[in-house]
Amino acid sequence: MQQFEYKTFNIPLKNALFSKKQDLDIESIEDALNLMGRVGWELTTQFTRQKNGFSQYAVLIFKRPIVHSSKNKS
C-alpha cells in the first residue's frame, strides 16, 4: 500500500493597516513551490489562519510518496 509523508509551511501575510488586503511576494512563493515540486512534494491544500478578522498567515500542506528501497537479500 502506498504511504505518504507530509510537510507544512506557514507563509506570513502582511496586512495593510486597517485593511484586509494582503501583500504577498508571489514570485518568492512561486519559486518555493517550484523547488518543492522538483524534490517530489505536491501541494495538496492551503488555508489561512485568522486573528481579529485578519488573515495572519497561509498554511500550505504538501505530500509525497514514501519510497521504500528493496534490498536484495542473498
C-alpha atoms as a PDB file:
ATOM      1  CA  MET A   1       0.000   0.000   0.000  1.00  0.00           C
ATOM      2  CA  GLN A   2       1.303   3.450  -0.919  1.00  0.00           C
ATOM      3  CA  GLN A   3       2.377   5.567   2.051  1.00  0.00           C
ATOM      4  CA  PHE A   4       2.934   9.320   2.155  1.00  0.00           C
ATOM      5  CA  GLU A   5       4.852  11.837   4.207  1.00  0.00           C
ATOM      6  CA  TYR A   6       3.602  15.370   4.785  1.00  0.00           C
ATOM      7  CA  LYS A   7       5.147  18.801   5.245  1.00  0.00           C
ATOM      8  CA  THR A   8       3.538  22.113   6.193  1.00  0.00           C
ATOM      9  CA  PHE A   9       4.740  25.658   5.563  1.00  0.00           C
ATOM     10  CA  ASN A  10       3.436  28.874   7.072  1.00  0.00           C
ATOM     11  CA  ILE A  11       3.658  31.967   4.885  1.00  0.00           C
ATOM     12  CA  PRO A  12       3.208  35.224   6.819  1.00  0.00           C
ATOM     13  CA  LEU A  13       0.787  37.689   5.278  1.00  0.00           C
ATOM     14  CA  LYS A  14       1.478  41.408   5.549  1.00  0.00           C
ATOM     15  CA  ASN A  15      -1.754  43.187   6.397  1.00  0.00           C
ATOM     16  CA  ALA A  16      -2.205  46.807   5.428  1.00  0.00           C
ATOM     17  CA  LEU A  17      -3.199  48.992   8.372  1.00  0.00           C
ATOM     18  CA  PHE A  18      -6.995  48.948   8.848  1.00  0.00           C
ATOM     19  CA  SER A  19      -7.409  46.844   5.738  1.00  0.00           C
ATOM     20  CA  LYS A  20      -7.896  43.178   4.926  1.00  0.00           C
ATOM     21  CA  LYS A  21      -5.699  43.421   1.836  1.00  0.00           C
ATOM     22  CA  GLN A  22      -2.742  41.041   1.936  1.00  0.00           C
ATOM     23  CA  ASP A  23       0.573  41.860   0.326  1.00  0.00           C
ATOM     24  CA  LEU A  24       2.195  38.647  -0.945  1.00  0.00           C
ATOM     25  CA  ASP A  25       5.532  38.210  -2.662  1.00  0.00           C
ATOM     26  CA  ILE A  26       4.083  35.961  -5.377  1.00  0.00           C
ATOM     27  CA  GLU A  27       7.407  35.488  -7.154  1.00  0.00           C
ATOM     28  CA  SER A  28       9.089  34.148  -3.990  1.00  0.00           C
ATOM     29  CA  ILE A  29       6.162  31.836  -3.277  1.00  0.00           C
ATOM     30  CA  GLU A  30       6.233  30.544  -6.851  1.00  0.00           C
ATOM     31  CA  ASP A  31       9.982  29.870  -6.598  1.00  0.00           C
ATOM     32  CA  ALA A  32       9.442  27.943  -3.342  1.00  0.00           C
ATOM     33  CA  LEU A  33       6.590  25.911  -4.851  1.00  0.00           C
ATOM     34  CA  ASN A  34       8.694  25.012  -7.895  1.00  0.00           C
ATOM     35  CA  LEU A  35      11.577  23.938  -5.654  1.00  0.00           C
ATOM     36  CA  MET A  36       9.248  21.735  -3.586  1.00  0.00           C
ATOM     37  CA  GLY A  37       7.878  20.165  -6.787  1.00  0.00           C
ATOM     38  CA  ARG A  38      11.377  19.392  -8.064  1.00  0.00           C
ATOM     39  CA  VAL A  39      12.146  17.372  -4.935  1.00  0.00           C
ATOM     40  CA  GLY A  40       8.903  15.402  -5.132  1.00  0.00           C
ATOM     41  CA  TRP A  41       6.470  17.381  -2.954  1.00  0.00           C
ATOM     42  CA  GLU A  42       2.933  18.030  -4.203  1.00  0.00           C
ATOM     43  CA  LEU A  43       0.813  20.863  -2.820  1.00  0.00           C
ATOM     44  CA  THR A  44      -2.398  19.250  -1.586  1.00  0.00           C
ATOM     45  CA  THR A  45      -4.211  22.122   0.110  1.00  0.00           C
ATOM     46  CA  GLN A  46      -3.861  25.582   1.570  1.00  0.00           C
ATOM     47  CA  PHE A  47      -5.805  27.676   4.043  1.00  0.00           C
ATOM     48  CA  THR A  48      -5.344  30.874   6.017  1.00  0.00           C
ATOM     49  CA  ARG A  49      -5.273  31.362   9.763  1.00  0.00           C
ATOM     50  CA  GLN A  50      -7.045  34.442  11.048  1.00  0.00           C
ATOM     51  CA  LYS A  51      -6.846  36.600  14.151  1.00  0.00           C
ATOM     52  CA  ASN A  52      -9.142  39.551  14.873  1.00  0.00           C
ATOM     53  CA  GLY A  53     -10.675  39.232  11.409  1.00  0.00           C
ATOM     54  CA  PHE A  54      -7.359  39.458   9.565  1.00  0.00           C
ATOM     55  CA  SER A  55      -5.510  36.647   7.836  1.00  0.00           C
ATOM     56  CA  GLN A  56      -2.220  36.220   9.679  1.00  0.00           C
ATOM     57  CA  TYR A  57      -0.594  33.543   7.551  1.00  0.00           C
ATOM     58  CA  ALA A  58      -1.267  30.983   4.856  1.00  0.00           C
ATOM     59  CA  VAL A  59      -0.691  27.318   5.614  1.00  0.00           C
ATOM     60  CA  LEU A  60       0.460  25.134   2.719  1.00  0.00           C
ATOM     61  CA  ILE A  61       0.272  21.353   3.079  1.00  0.00           C
ATOM     62  CA  PHE A  62       2.425  19.166   0.835  1.00  0.00           C
ATOM     63  CA  LYS A  63       2.681  15.402   0.445  1.00  0.00           C
ATOM     64  CA  ARG A  64       4.975  12.990  -1.352  1.00  0.00           C
ATOM     65  CA  PRO A  65       5.125   9.217  -1.598  1.00  0.00           C
ATOM     66  CA  ILE A  66       7.460   7.379   0.720  1.00  0.00           C
ATOM     67  CA  VAL A  67       9.798   5.297  -1.415  1.00  0.00           C
ATOM     68  CA  HIS A  68      10.854   2.067   0.230  1.00  0.00           C
ATOM     69  CA  SER A  69      14.073   0.683  -1.144  1.00  0.00           C
ATOM     70  CA  SER A  70      14.017  -3.052  -1.713  1.00  0.00           C
ATOM     71  CA  LYS A  71      17.358  -4.613  -0.888  1.00  0.00           C
ATOM     72  CA  ASN A  72      18.248  -7.961  -2.397  1.00  0.00           C
ATOM     73  CA  LYS A  73      18.629 -10.438   0.475  1.00  0.00           C
ATOM     74  CA  SER A  74      21.151 -13.067  -0.635  1.00  0.00           C
END
